[in-house]
Amino acid sequence: MSMSVNKEDISKKTRILLKVKLRVQTAVTLEIYQISSSCKVLLVTAV
């Protein structure tokens, strides 16, 4: 009994970790995109 509960618990944790990882990756990608676009704007306004 305890083994099956353990496996379920592990899979739940793995799913949560994957979701968090995905959110972090999306946030980082958006940050990089915003930074690069703002840098482009700065370059355009500087020229």
Protein backbone atom coordinates (compact mmCIF):
# COMPACT_ATOMS: atom_id res chain seq x y z
CA MET A 1 0.00 0.00 0.00
CA SER A 2 2.63 2.50 1.05
CA MET A 3 4.61 1.90 -2.15
CA SER A 4 1.71 2.86 -4.44
CA VAL A 5 1.01 5.99 -2.39
CA ASN A 6 4.71 6.84 -2.60
CA LYS A 7 4.70 6.48 -6.39
CA GLU A 8 1.63 8.71 -6.69
CA ASP A 9 3.26 11.29 -4.45
CA ILE A 10 6.43 11.23 -6.56
CA SER A 11 4.49 11.64 -9.82
CA LYS A 12 2.53 14.55 -8.34
CA LYS A 13 5.75 16.24 -7.25
CA THR A 14 7.27 15.63 -10.68
CA ARG A 15 4.24 17.19 -12.38
CA ILE A 16 4.38 20.23 -10.11
CA LEU A 17 8.12 20.59 -10.76
CA LEU A 18 7.56 20.37 -14.52
CA LYS A 19 4.83 23.01 -14.34
CA VAL A 20 7.09 25.30 -12.32
CA LYS A 21 9.95 24.69 -14.75
CA LEU A 22 7.71 25.56 -17.69
CA ARG A 23 6.51 28.75 -16.01
CA VAL A 24 10.07 29.79 -15.20
CA GLN A 25 11.22 29.09 -18.77
CA THR A 26 8.30 31.12 -20.17
CA ALA A 27 9.01 34.00 -17.78
CA VAL A 28 12.71 33.99 -18.63
CA THR A 29 11.97 33.86 -22.36
CA LEU A 30 9.58 36.82 -22.01
CA GLU A 31 12.15 38.75 -19.96
CA ILE A 32 14.87 38.13 -22.57
CA TYR A 33 12.48 39.12 -25.35
CA GLN A 34 11.49 42.34 -23.55
CA ILE A 35 15.12 43.19 -22.78
CA SER A 36 16.25 42.56 -26.36
CA SER A 37 13.35 44.57 -27.82
CA SER A 38 14.02 47.47 -25.44
CA CYS A 39 17.72 47.31 -26.41
CA LYS A 40 16.68 47.49 -30.07
CA VAL A 41 14.54 50.55 -29.29
CA LEU A 42 17.49 52.14 -27.47
CA LEU A 43 19.75 51.45 -30.43
CA VAL A 44 17.20 52.91 -32.85
CA THR A 45 16.69 56.04 -30.73
CA ALA A 46 20.46 56.42 -30.22
CA VAL A 47 21.00 56.42 -34.01
